[in-house]
């Protein structure tokens, strides 16, 4: 089988190149290097392994457990992981089923009083309290056979975000670290870390925030792509090459927190902004698609992790920030 480039695999699986590199970093996936070629490529075995990773992620298996399954030939390991996740799902299903029953009881009760114009008083309604007390946890029965199509539909439904925060970023001044080429995130971050160390920024501005975005974005027509990091700095601070001093005007954003590596949730946030809410709409920046159209990734607690040499990847959290504005009233 011909080696597939990282861009080809990214497009085929709808997985960001950053996610693919993260899978490799944590030992979940292996790539190959062509002689004289700086970019990652993937052989048939890697593609087959990635297909398994994608399916297991759709089944809501955490990355660490996926690694335990794929790196262990003992089938017992996989069985134990699946059993543990089934238990968690059964508890979640039972809780949701109970809430559903309670809501139906509330509807039935209120419908009996619909013409009385009484104020809703759950705690003061003995009938409703008795109904809640009498509920038992119920389980939902499923058909034994489920297809990949069913799995995709279930994944889509479960991917609808319900906890999006609305935040306002104030104007601020930043030192920008930009790199185009192989592994741009890692290279831009090395420049940023050198700046933090040489300026003692950790002591000067302990509340500094770190943001990032693709610049330019990956595409089929572009061999190289880039990434740019921003770190907030005092207004009067000098910045020397290769970093550049910039000013950010601030704005309104829809925010969704992820654990590092779960960059596929950008699609979930995009759906929330563009499809699943009636109050806000996208407020893209007109940059020709070069800089993620104003979308940002904020690395939470970056300076704390940097100063403490915190290596636990599963504790690295990012805010995905999607620029929004209120919809015009018709």
C-alpha atoms as a PDB file:
ATOM      1  CA  UNK A   1       0.000   0.000   0.000  1.00  0.00           C
ATOM      2  CA  UNK A   2       1.264   3.466  -0.884  1.00  0.00           C
ATOM      3  CA  UNK A   3       2.130   5.655   2.071  1.00  0.00           C
ATOM      4  CA  UNK A   4      -0.491   8.295   2.846  1.00  0.00           C
ATOM      5  CA  UNK A   5       0.587  11.775   3.886  1.00  0.00           C
ATOM      6  CA  UNK A   6      -0.622  13.301   7.117  1.00  0.00           C
ATOM      7  CA  UNK A   7      -2.793  15.723   5.116  1.00  0.00           C
ATOM      8  CA  UNK A   8      -4.399  12.880   3.143  1.00  0.00           C
ATOM      9  CA  UNK A   9      -5.155  10.934   6.326  1.00  0.00           C
ATOM     10  CA  UNK A  10      -6.468  14.068   8.043  1.00  0.00           C
ATOM     11  CA  UNK A  11      -8.894  14.750   5.188  1.00  0.00           C
ATOM     12  CA  UNK A  12      -9.966  11.101   4.808  1.00  0.00           C
ATOM     13  CA  UNK A  13     -10.780  10.614   8.510  1.00  0.00           C
ATOM     14  CA  UNK A  14     -11.835  14.221   9.224  1.00  0.00           C
ATOM     15  CA  UNK A  15      -9.225  14.350  11.988  1.00  0.00           C
ATOM     16  CA  UNK A  16      -6.956  17.355  12.442  1.00  0.00           C
ATOM     17  CA  UNK A  17      -3.252  16.925  11.778  1.00  0.00           C
ATOM     18  CA  UNK A  18      -2.656  18.144  15.317  1.00  0.00           C
ATOM     19  CA  UNK A  19      -4.761  15.259  16.668  1.00  0.00           C
ATOM     20  CA  UNK A  20      -2.807  12.753  14.562  1.00  0.00           C
ATOM     21  CA  UNK A  21       0.476  14.078  15.931  1.00  0.00           C
ATOM     22  CA  UNK A  22      -0.931  13.914  19.457  1.00  0.00           C
ATOM     23  CA  UNK A  23      -1.929  10.256  18.947  1.00  0.00           C
ATOM     24  CA  UNK A  24       1.664   9.573  17.947  1.00  0.00           C
ATOM     25  CA  UNK A  25       3.038  11.515  20.916  1.00  0.00           C
ATOM     26  CA  UNK A  26       1.087   9.382  23.410  1.00  0.00           C
ATOM     27  CA  UNK A  27       2.037   6.129  21.658  1.00  0.00           C
ATOM     28  CA  UNK A  28      -1.363   5.450  20.144  1.00  0.00           C
ATOM     29  CA  UNK A  29      -0.336   5.687  16.481  1.00  0.00           C
ATOM     30  CA  UNK A  30       2.928   5.365  14.546  1.00  0.00           C
ATOM     31  CA  UNK A  31       3.949   7.234  11.402  1.00  0.00           C
ATOM     32  CA  UNK A  32       6.720   6.752   8.870  1.00  0.00           C
ATOM     33  CA  UNK A  33       9.177   9.202   7.375  1.00  0.00           C
ATOM     34  CA  UNK A  34      10.140   9.207   3.721  1.00  0.00           C
ATOM     35  CA  UNK A  35      13.827   9.845   3.067  1.00  0.00           C
ATOM     36  CA  UNK A  36      14.392  13.536   2.468  1.00  0.00           C
ATOM     37  CA  UNK A  37      10.780  14.322   3.397  1.00  0.00           C
ATOM     38  CA  UNK A  38      10.026  16.216   6.601  1.00  0.00           C
ATOM     39  CA  UNK A  39       6.367  15.266   6.982  1.00  0.00           C
ATOM     40  CA  UNK A  40       4.676  12.282   8.541  1.00  0.00           C
ATOM     41  CA  UNK A  41       3.267   9.470   6.387  1.00  0.00           C
ATOM     42  CA  UNK A  42       1.165   6.449   7.301  1.00  0.00           C
ATOM     43  CA  UNK A  43       1.323   2.855   6.060  1.00  0.00           C
ATOM     44  CA  UNK A  44      -1.460   0.289   5.843  1.00  0.00           C
ATOM     45  CA  UNK A  45      -1.020  -0.932   9.425  1.00  0.00           C
ATOM     46  CA  UNK A  46      -1.222   2.623  10.746  1.00  0.00           C
ATOM     47  CA  UNK A  47      -4.390   3.292   8.729  1.00  0.00           C
ATOM     48  CA  UNK A  48      -6.035   0.116  10.061  1.00  0.00           C
ATOM     49  CA  UNK A  49      -5.066   1.073  13.612  1.00  0.00           C
ATOM     50  CA  UNK A  50      -6.465   4.574  13.133  1.00  0.00           C
ATOM     51  CA  UNK A  51      -9.763   3.074  11.946  1.00  0.00           C
ATOM     52  CA  UNK A  52      -9.958   1.137  15.216  1.00  0.00           C
ATOM     53  CA  UNK A  53      -9.141   4.270  17.220  1.00  0.00           C
ATOM     54  CA  UNK A  54     -11.919   6.211  15.465  1.00  0.00           C
ATOM     55  CA  UNK A  55     -14.501   3.488  16.177  1.00  0.00           C
ATOM     56  CA  UNK A  56     -13.469   3.189  19.829  1.00  0.00           C
ATOM     57  CA  UNK A  57     -13.668   6.978  20.212  1.00  0.00           C
ATOM     58  CA  UNK A  58     -17.197   6.864  18.780  1.00  0.00           C
ATOM     59  CA  UNK A  59     -17.944   4.307  21.507  1.00  0.00           C
ATOM     60  CA  UNK A  60     -16.790   6.952  24.030  1.00  0.00           C
ATOM     61  CA  UNK A  61     -13.738   4.967  25.141  1.00  0.00           C
ATOM     62  CA  UNK A  62     -11.098   7.316  26.648  1.00  0.00           C
ATOM     63  CA  UNK A  63      -7.765   7.564  24.828  1.00  0.00           C
ATOM     64  CA  UNK A  64      -5.805   6.006  27.688  1.00  0.00           C
ATOM     65  CA  UNK A  65      -8.071   2.957  27.646  1.00  0.00           C
ATOM     66  CA  UNK A  66      -7.842   2.743  23.843  1.00  0.00           C
ATOM     67  CA  UNK A  67      -4.076   2.553  24.262  1.00  0.00           C
ATOM     68  CA  UNK A  68      -4.480  -0.216  26.862  1.00  0.00           C
ATOM     69  CA  UNK A  69      -6.617  -2.188  24.400  1.00  0.00           C
ATOM     70  CA  UNK A  70      -4.542  -1.751  21.253  1.00  0.00           C
ATOM     71  CA  UNK A  71      -1.162  -2.201  22.957  1.00  0.00           C
ATOM     72  CA  UNK A  72      -2.184  -5.386  24.756  1.00  0.00           C
ATOM     73  CA  UNK A  73      -2.696  -8.680  22.927  1.00  0.00           C
ATOM     74  CA  UNK A  74      -4.629 -10.115  25.865  1.00  0.00           C
ATOM     75  CA  UNK A  75      -8.342  -9.996  24.987  1.00  0.00           C
ATOM     76  CA  UNK A  76      -9.180  -9.934  28.700  1.00  0.00           C
ATOM     77  CA  UNK A  77      -7.889  -6.347  28.834  1.00  0.00           C
ATOM     78  CA  UNK A  78     -10.384  -5.225  26.192  1.00  0.00           C
ATOM     79  CA  UNK A  79     -13.223  -7.094  27.887  1.00  0.00           C
ATOM     80  CA  UNK A  80     -12.507  -5.389  31.215  1.00  0.00           C
ATOM     81  CA  UNK A  81     -12.409  -1.943  29.592  1.00  0.00           C
ATOM     82  CA  UNK A  82     -15.695  -2.546  27.783  1.00  0.00           C
ATOM     83  CA  UNK A  83     -17.371  -3.858  30.942  1.00  0.00           C
ATOM     84  CA  UNK A  84     -16.260  -0.800  32.894  1.00  0.00           C
ATOM     85  CA  UNK A  85     -17.640   1.536  30.236  1.00  0.00           C
ATOM     86  CA  UNK A  86     -20.910  -0.425  30.032  1.00  0.00           C
ATOM     87  CA  UNK A  87     -21.354   0.013  33.793  1.00  0.00           C
ATOM     88  CA  UNK A  88     -20.789   3.749  33.467  1.00  0.00           C
ATOM     89  CA  UNK A  89     -23.257   3.957  30.585  1.00  0.00           C
ATOM     90  CA  UNK A  90     -25.903   1.936  32.438  1.00  0.00           C
ATOM     91  CA  UNK A  91     -25.675   4.336  35.390  1.00  0.00           C
ATOM     92  CA  UNK A  92     -26.010   7.301  33.035  1.00  0.00           C
ATOM     93  CA  UNK A  93     -28.942   5.703  31.191  1.00  0.00           C
ATOM     94  CA  UNK A  94     -30.692   4.901  34.462  1.00  0.00           C
ATOM     95  CA  UNK A  95     -30.258   8.468  35.715  1.00  0.00           C
ATOM     96  CA  UNK A  96     -31.547   9.979  32.449  1.00  0.00           C
ATOM     97  CA  UNK A  97     -34.457   7.543  32.390  1.00  0.00           C
ATOM     98  CA  UNK A  98     -35.417   8.579  35.929  1.00  0.00           C
ATOM     99  CA  UNK A  99     -35.313  12.265  34.986  1.00  0.00           C
ATOM    100  CA  UNK A 100     -37.497  11.514  31.947  1.00  0.00           C
ATOM    101  CA  UNK A 101     -40.088   9.741  34.090  1.00  0.00           C
ATOM    102  CA  UNK A 102     -40.149  12.595  36.613  1.00  0.00           C
ATOM    103  CA  UNK A 103     -40.652  15.170  33.859  1.00  0.00           C
ATOM    104  CA  UNK A 104     -43.515  13.122  32.400  1.00  0.00           C
ATOM    105  CA  UNK A 105     -45.126  12.929  35.842  1.00  0.00           C
ATOM    106  CA  UNK A 106     -44.768  16.699  36.200  1.00  0.00           C
ATOM    107  CA  UNK A 107     -46.437  17.215  32.819  1.00  0.00           C
ATOM    108  CA  UNK A 108     -49.313  14.906  33.771  1.00  0.00           C
ATOM    109  CA  UNK A 109     -49.797  16.706  37.078  1.00  0.00           C
ATOM    110  CA  UNK A 110     -49.704  20.198  35.600  1.00  0.00           C
ATOM    111  CA  UNK A 111     -52.046  19.251  32.768  1.00  0.00           C
ATOM    112  CA  UNK A 112     -54.675  18.448  35.382  1.00  0.00           C
ATOM    113  CA  UNK A 113     -54.319  22.001  36.691  1.00  0.00           C
ATOM    114  CA  UNK A 114     -53.925  23.770  33.364  1.00  0.00           C
ATOM    115  CA  UNK A 115     -57.179  25.718  33.744  1.00  0.00           C
ATOM    116  CA  UNK A 116     -56.631  26.651  37.391  1.00  0.00           C
ATOM    117  CA  UNK A 117     -53.737  29.083  36.717  1.00  0.00           C
ATOM    118  CA  UNK A 118     -51.866  27.936  39.802  1.00  0.00           C
ATOM    119  CA  UNK A 119     -48.217  28.825  40.375  1.00  0.00           C
ATOM    120  CA  UNK A 120     -45.846  25.892  39.957  1.00  0.00           C
ATOM    121  CA  UNK A 121     -44.700  24.730  43.400  1.00  0.00           C
ATOM    122  CA  UNK A 122     -42.863  21.433  43.169  1.00  0.00           C
ATOM    123  CA  UNK A 123     -41.837  21.257  46.827  1.00  0.00           C
ATOM    124  CA  UNK A 124     -45.326  22.157  47.984  1.00  0.00           C
ATOM    125  CA  UNK A 125     -47.127  19.629  45.788  1.00  0.00           C
ATOM    126  CA  UNK A 126     -47.562  16.355  47.711  1.00  0.00           C
ATOM    127  CA  UNK A 127     -48.653  14.495  44.566  1.00  0.00           C
ATOM    128  CA  UNK A 128     -45.456  15.390  42.713  1.00  0.00           C
ATOM    129  CA  UNK A 129     -43.255  14.604  45.710  1.00  0.00           C
ATOM    130  CA  UNK A 130     -44.965  11.222  46.124  1.00  0.00           C
ATOM    131  CA  UNK A 131     -44.444  10.518  42.427  1.00  0.00           C
ATOM    132  CA  UNK A 132     -40.736  11.312  42.708  1.00  0.00           C
ATOM    133  CA  UNK A 133     -40.344   9.201  45.841  1.00  0.00           C
ATOM    134  CA  UNK A 134     -42.011   6.239  44.168  1.00  0.00           C
ATOM    135  CA  UNK A 135     -39.720   6.255  41.144  1.00  0.00           C
ATOM    136  CA  UNK A 136     -37.253   3.441  40.692  1.00  0.00           C
ATOM    137  CA  UNK A 137     -34.264   3.494  38.376  1.00  0.00           C
ATOM    138  CA  UNK A 138     -35.341   2.164  34.995  1.00  0.00           C
ATOM    139  CA  UNK A 139     -33.218   0.765  32.220  1.00  0.00           C
ATOM    140  CA  UNK A 140     -33.818   1.265  28.533  1.00  0.00           C
ATOM    141  CA  UNK A 141     -33.778  -1.821  26.342  1.00  0.00           C
ATOM    142  CA  UNK A 142     -31.973  -1.691  23.027  1.00  0.00           C
ATOM    143  CA  UNK A 143     -32.017  -3.951  20.001  1.00  0.00           C
ATOM    144  CA  UNK A 144     -29.161  -6.439  20.133  1.00  0.00           C
ATOM    145  CA  UNK A 145     -27.784  -5.494  16.726  1.00  0.00           C
ATOM    146  CA  UNK A 146     -26.550  -2.035  15.880  1.00  0.00           C
ATOM    147  CA  UNK A 147     -24.937  -0.974  12.628  1.00  0.00           C
ATOM    148  CA  UNK A 148     -22.128   1.497  11.971  1.00  0.00           C
ATOM    149  CA  UNK A 149     -24.790   3.870  10.690  1.00  0.00           C
ATOM    150  CA  UNK A 150     -26.584   3.603  14.040  1.00  0.00           C
ATOM    151  CA  UNK A 151     -23.290   4.279  15.808  1.00  0.00           C
ATOM    152  CA  UNK A 152     -22.636   7.385  13.719  1.00  0.00           C
ATOM    153  CA  UNK A 153     -26.139   8.699  14.456  1.00  0.00           C
ATOM    154  CA  UNK A 154     -25.698   8.047  18.174  1.00  0.00           C
ATOM    155  CA  UNK A 155     -22.316   9.784  18.148  1.00  0.00           C
ATOM    156  CA  UNK A 156     -23.820  12.793  16.381  1.00  0.00           C
ATOM    157  CA  UNK A 157     -26.592  13.024  18.960  1.00  0.00           C
ATOM    158  CA  UNK A 158     -24.196  12.734  21.897  1.00  0.00           C
ATOM    159  CA  UNK A 159     -21.918  15.348  20.357  1.00  0.00           C
ATOM    160  CA  UNK A 160     -24.497  18.116  20.734  1.00  0.00           C
ATOM    161  CA  UNK A 161     -22.982  20.500  23.264  1.00  0.00           C
ATOM    162  CA  UNK A 162     -25.151  21.643  26.163  1.00  0.00           C
ATOM    163  CA  UNK A 163     -22.603  23.453  28.363  1.00  0.00           C
ATOM    164  CA  UNK A 164     -21.209  26.144  26.069  1.00  0.00           C
ATOM    165  CA  UNK A 165     -20.077  29.255  27.964  1.00  0.00           C
ATOM    166  CA  UNK A 166     -20.421  32.789  26.611  1.00  0.00           C
ATOM    167  CA  UNK A 167     -17.303  34.806  27.424  1.00  0.00           C
ATOM    168  CA  UNK A 168     -15.963  38.251  26.573  1.00  0.00           C
ATOM    169  CA  UNK A 169     -12.226  38.547  25.923  1.00  0.00           C
ATOM    170  CA  UNK A 170     -10.939  42.032  26.781  1.00  0.00           C
ATOM    171  CA  UNK A 171      -8.421  43.865  24.587  1.00  0.00           C
ATOM    172  CA  UNK A 172      -4.810  42.934  25.343  1.00  0.00           C
ATOM    173  CA  UNK A 173      -1.245  43.109  24.034  1.00  0.00           C
ATOM    174  CA  UNK A 174       0.557  39.900  23.072  1.00  0.00           C
ATOM    175  CA  UNK A 175       3.909  38.530  22.026  1.00  0.00           C
ATOM    176  CA  UNK A 176       3.220  36.373  18.947  1.00  0.00           C
ATOM    177  CA  UNK A 177       5.290  33.306  18.063  1.00  0.00           C
ATOM    178  CA  UNK A 178       4.693  32.109  14.494  1.00  0.00           C
ATOM    179  CA  UNK A 179       6.149  29.140  12.609  1.00  0.00           C
ATOM    180  CA  UNK A 180       5.414  27.573   9.206  1.00  0.00           C
ATOM    181  CA  UNK A 181       6.742  24.112   8.350  1.00  0.00           C
ATOM    182  CA  UNK A 182       6.861  20.608   9.791  1.00  0.00           C
ATOM    183  CA  UNK A 183       5.408  20.321  13.309  1.00  0.00           C
ATOM    184  CA  UNK A 184       4.515  24.035  13.502  1.00  0.00           C
ATOM    185  CA  UNK A 185       2.828  23.843  16.924  1.00  0.00           C
ATOM    186  CA  UNK A 186       5.921  22.342  18.555  1.00  0.00           C
ATOM    187  CA  UNK A 187       8.311  24.760  16.817  1.00  0.00           C
ATOM    188  CA  UNK A 188       6.207  27.855  17.627  1.00  0.00           C
ATOM    189  CA  UNK A 189       5.894  26.704  21.236  1.00  0.00           C
ATOM    190  CA  UNK A 190       9.664  26.296  21.594  1.00  0.00           C
ATOM    191  CA  UNK A 191      10.083  29.917  20.480  1.00  0.00           C
ATOM    192  CA  UNK A 192       7.405  30.945  22.985  1.00  0.00           C
ATOM    193  CA  UNK A 193       9.018  29.034  25.857  1.00  0.00           C
ATOM    194  CA  UNK A 194      12.392  30.623  25.074  1.00  0.00           C
ATOM    195  CA  UNK A 195      10.732  34.045  25.273  1.00  0.00           C
ATOM    196  CA  UNK A 196       9.084  33.221  28.608  1.00  0.00           C
ATOM    197  CA  UNK A 197      12.376  32.006  30.045  1.00  0.00           C
ATOM    198  CA  UNK A 198      14.597  34.845  28.834  1.00  0.00           C
ATOM    199  CA  UNK A 199      12.149  37.602  29.865  1.00  0.00           C
ATOM    200  CA  UNK A 200      11.219  35.991  33.180  1.00  0.00           C
ATOM    201  CA  UNK A 201       7.582  36.510  32.159  1.00  0.00           C
ATOM    202  CA  UNK A 202       6.457  33.924  34.710  1.00  0.00           C
ATOM    203  CA  UNK A 203       7.388  36.410  37.466  1.00  0.00           C
ATOM    204  CA  UNK A 204       6.533  39.639  35.622  1.00  0.00           C
ATOM    205  CA  UNK A 205       3.021  38.626  34.601  1.00  0.00           C
ATOM    206  CA  UNK A 206       1.815  35.528  36.482  1.00  0.00           C
ATOM    207  CA  UNK A 207      -1.702  36.043  35.068  1.00  0.00           C
ATOM    208  CA  UNK A 208      -0.505  35.793  31.447  1.00  0.00           C
ATOM    209  CA  UNK A 209      -2.809  33.883  29.097  1.00  0.00           C
ATOM    210  CA  UNK A 210      -1.771  31.803  26.086  1.00  0.00           C
ATOM    211  CA  UNK A 211      -3.785  31.488  22.873  1.00  0.00           C
ATOM    212  CA  UNK A 212      -3.100  29.766  19.569  1.00  0.00           C
ATOM    213  CA  UNK A 213      -4.494  29.204  16.076  1.00  0.00           C
ATOM    214  CA  UNK A 214      -3.565  27.746  12.694  1.00  0.00           C
ATOM    215  CA  UNK A 215      -1.734  30.282  10.506  1.00  0.00           C
ATOM    216  CA  UNK A 216      -2.062  29.411   7.692  1.00  0.00           C
ATOM    217  CA  UNK A 217      -4.652  26.633   7.964  1.00  0.00           C
ATOM    218  CA  UNK A 218      -3.901  23.178   6.500  1.00  0.00           C
ATOM    219  CA  UNK A 219      -5.280  22.526   3.012  1.00  0.00           C
ATOM    220  CA  UNK A 220      -4.959  20.068   0.129  1.00  0.00           C
ATOM    221  CA  UNK A 221      -3.155  22.686  -1.964  1.00  0.00           C
ATOM    222  CA  UNK A 222      -0.589  23.631   0.674  1.00  0.00           C
ATOM    223  CA  UNK A 223       2.400  21.489   1.640  1.00  0.00           C
ATOM    224  CA  UNK A 224       3.320  23.662   4.591  1.00  0.00           C
ATOM    225  CA  UNK A 225       0.991  25.091   7.167  1.00  0.00           C
ATOM    226  CA  UNK A 226       1.658  27.060  10.304  1.00  0.00           C
ATOM    227  CA  UNK A 227       0.662  27.774  13.861  1.00  0.00           C
ATOM    228  CA  UNK A 228       0.808  30.979  15.896  1.00  0.00           C
ATOM    229  CA  UNK A 229       0.924  31.335  19.673  1.00  0.00           C
ATOM    230  CA  UNK A 230       0.034  34.492  21.589  1.00  0.00           C
ATOM    231  CA  UNK A 231       0.989  35.209  25.174  1.00  0.00           C
ATOM    232  CA  UNK A 232      -0.374  38.301  26.906  1.00  0.00           C
ATOM    233  CA  UNK A 233       2.283  40.766  28.037  1.00  0.00           C
ATOM    234  CA  UNK A 234       2.449  44.212  29.710  1.00  0.00           C
ATOM    235  CA  UNK A 235       1.662  47.018  27.267  1.00  0.00           C
ATOM    236  CA  UNK A 236       5.127  48.566  27.576  1.00  0.00           C
ATOM    237  CA  UNK A 237       7.095  45.317  27.244  1.00  0.00           C
ATOM    238  CA  UNK A 238       9.643  45.038  24.424  1.00  0.00           C
ATOM    239  CA  UNK A 239       9.483  42.018  22.110  1.00  0.00           C
ATOM    240  CA  UNK A 240      12.374  40.892  19.923  1.00  0.00           C
ATOM    241  CA  UNK A 241      12.508  38.603  16.862  1.00  0.00           C
ATOM    242  CA  UNK A 242      11.448  35.967  16.036  1.00  0.00           C
ATOM    243  CA  UNK A 243       8.459  37.002  18.158  1.00  0.00           C
ATOM    244  CA  UNK A 244       6.328  39.994  17.231  1.00  0.00           C
ATOM    245  CA  UNK A 245       4.342  42.415  19.383  1.00  0.00           C
ATOM    246  CA  UNK A 246       0.628  42.610  18.501  1.00  0.00           C
ATOM    247  CA  UNK A 247      -2.611  44.072  19.868  1.00  0.00           C
ATOM    248  CA  UNK A 248      -5.873  42.125  20.164  1.00  0.00           C
ATOM    249  CA  UNK A 249      -9.168  44.038  20.185  1.00  0.00           C
ATOM    250  CA  UNK A 250     -11.149  41.499  22.197  1.00  0.00           C
ATOM    251  CA  UNK A 251     -14.670  40.290  21.545  1.00  0.00           C
ATOM    252  CA  UNK A 252     -17.502  37.903  22.362  1.00  0.00           C
ATOM    253  CA  UNK A 253     -16.893  34.150  22.135  1.00  0.00           C
ATOM    254  CA  UNK A 254     -18.627  30.814  22.609  1.00  0.00           C
ATOM    255  CA  UNK A 255     -16.282  28.731  24.774  1.00  0.00           C
ATOM    256  CA  UNK A 256     -16.055  24.962  25.170  1.00  0.00           C
ATOM    257  CA  UNK A 257     -13.385  23.296  27.304  1.00  0.00           C
ATOM    258  CA  UNK A 258     -11.605  20.146  26.070  1.00  0.00           C
ATOM    259  CA  UNK A 259      -8.834  17.920  27.346  1.00  0.00           C
ATOM    260  CA  UNK A 260      -5.739  18.209  25.180  1.00  0.00           C
ATOM    261  CA  UNK A 261      -6.033  16.002  22.120  1.00  0.00           C
ATOM    262  CA  UNK A 262      -9.798  16.180  21.664  1.00  0.00           C
ATOM    263  CA  UNK A 263      -9.590  18.678  18.818  1.00  0.00           C
ATOM    264  CA  UNK A 264     -12.438  16.915  16.990  1.00  0.00           C
ATOM    265  CA  UNK A 265     -14.733  18.812  19.373  1.00  0.00           C
ATOM    266  CA  UNK A 266     -14.139  21.927  17.260  1.00  0.00           C
ATOM    267  CA  UNK A 267     -16.818  20.452  14.984  1.00  0.00           C
ATOM    268  CA  UNK A 268     -19.195  20.148  17.945  1.00  0.00           C
ATOM    269  CA  UNK A 269     -18.685  23.786  18.889  1.00  0.00           C
ATOM    270  CA  UNK A 270     -19.136  24.866  15.266  1.00  0.00           C
ATOM    271  CA  UNK A 271     -22.452  23.003  15.140  1.00  0.00           C
ATOM    272  CA  UNK A 272     -23.562  24.700  18.349  1.00  0.00           C
ATOM    273  CA  UNK A 273     -22.807  28.147  16.929  1.00  0.00           C
ATOM    274  CA  UNK A 274     -24.161  27.588  13.426  1.00  0.00           C
ATOM    275  CA  UNK A 275     -27.030  25.145  14.022  1.00  0.00           C
ATOM    276  CA  UNK A 276     -28.054  24.489  17.608  1.00  0.00           C
ATOM    277  CA  UNK A 277     -28.771  27.881  19.151  1.00  0.00           C
ATOM    278  CA  UNK A 278     -31.236  30.632  18.356  1.00  0.00           C
ATOM    279  CA  UNK A 279     -29.531  33.586  20.049  1.00  0.00           C
ATOM    280  CA  UNK A 280     -26.024  33.831  18.567  1.00  0.00           C
ATOM    281  CA  UNK A 281     -24.356  33.510  15.183  1.00  0.00           C
ATOM    282  CA  UNK A 282     -20.771  33.266  13.974  1.00  0.00           C
ATOM    283  CA  UNK A 283     -18.745  36.449  13.844  1.00  0.00           C
ATOM    284  CA  UNK A 284     -15.907  35.340  11.600  1.00  0.00           C
ATOM    285  CA  UNK A 285     -12.826  37.472  10.974  1.00  0.00           C
ATOM    286  CA  UNK A 286     -12.236  38.187   7.297  1.00  0.00           C
ATOM    287  CA  UNK A 287      -8.763  36.674   6.938  1.00  0.00           C
ATOM    288  CA  UNK A 288      -9.342  34.554   3.845  1.00  0.00           C
ATOM    289  CA  UNK A 289      -9.227  31.391   5.936  1.00  0.00           C
ATOM    290  CA  UNK A 290      -5.562  31.988   6.739  1.00  0.00           C
ATOM    291  CA  UNK A 291      -5.942  32.268  10.521  1.00  0.00           C
ATOM    292  CA  UNK A 292      -8.941  30.104  11.437  1.00  0.00           C
ATOM    293  CA  UNK A 293     -11.271  33.067  10.731  1.00  0.00           C
ATOM    294  CA  UNK A 294     -10.841  34.376  14.273  1.00  0.00           C
ATOM    295  CA  UNK A 295     -11.217  31.062  16.120  1.00  0.00           C
ATOM    296  CA  UNK A 296      -8.809  30.675  19.053  1.00  0.00           C
ATOM    297  CA  UNK A 297      -7.512  27.963  21.355  1.00  0.00           C
ATOM    298  CA  UNK A 298      -6.621  29.067  24.884  1.00  0.00           C
ATOM    299  CA  UNK A 299      -4.205  26.841  26.770  1.00  0.00           C
ATOM    300  CA  UNK A 300      -5.512  26.966  30.340  1.00  0.00           C
ATOM    301  CA  UNK A 301      -3.012  27.318  33.192  1.00  0.00           C
ATOM    302  CA  UNK A 302      -0.151  27.435  30.681  1.00  0.00           C
ATOM    303  CA  UNK A 303       2.296  29.414  32.805  1.00  0.00           C
ATOM    304  CA  UNK A 304       1.512  27.301  35.854  1.00  0.00           C
ATOM    305  CA  UNK A 305       2.235  24.103  33.930  1.00  0.00           C
ATOM    306  CA  UNK A 306       5.346  25.615  32.370  1.00  0.00           C
ATOM    307  CA  UNK A 307       6.686  26.841  35.701  1.00  0.00           C
ATOM    308  CA  UNK A 308       5.944  23.546  37.444  1.00  0.00           C
ATOM    309  CA  UNK A 309       7.081  21.254  34.596  1.00  0.00           C
ATOM    310  CA  UNK A 310       3.664  19.626  34.708  1.00  0.00           C
ATOM    311  CA  UNK A 311       3.811  16.618  32.386  1.00  0.00           C
ATOM    312  CA  UNK A 312       0.398  15.004  32.871  1.00  0.00           C
ATOM    313  CA  UNK A 313      -1.205  15.358  29.429  1.00  0.00           C
ATOM    314  CA  UNK A 314      -4.675  14.331  30.611  1.00  0.00           C
ATOM    315  CA  UNK A 315      -4.700  17.404  32.866  1.00  0.00           C
ATOM    316  CA  UNK A 316      -3.877  19.829  30.039  1.00  0.00           C
ATOM    317  CA  UNK A 317      -7.054  21.671  29.182  1.00  0.00           C
ATOM    318  CA  UNK A 318      -7.920  24.045  26.368  1.00  0.00           C
ATOM    319  CA  UNK A 319     -10.779  26.435  25.795  1.00  0.00           C
ATOM    320  CA  UNK A 320     -11.985  26.364  22.204  1.00  0.00           C
ATOM    321  CA  UNK A 321     -13.130  29.923  21.456  1.00  0.00           C
ATOM    322  CA  UNK A 322     -15.540  30.634  18.595  1.00  0.00           C
ATOM    323  CA  UNK A 323     -16.221  34.324  17.773  1.00  0.00           C
ATOM    324  CA  UNK A 324     -19.947  35.129  17.955  1.00  0.00           C
ATOM    325  CA  UNK A 325     -22.412  38.003  17.933  1.00  0.00           C
ATOM    326  CA  UNK A 326     -26.070  38.384  18.784  1.00  0.00           C
ATOM    327  CA  UNK A 327     -28.424  37.587  15.935  1.00  0.00           C
ATOM    328  CA  UNK A 328     -30.276  40.533  14.526  1.00  0.00           C
ATOM    329  CA  UNK A 329     -33.917  40.624  15.608  1.00  0.00           C
ATOM    330  CA  UNK A 330     -36.267  40.223  12.653  1.00  0.00           C
END
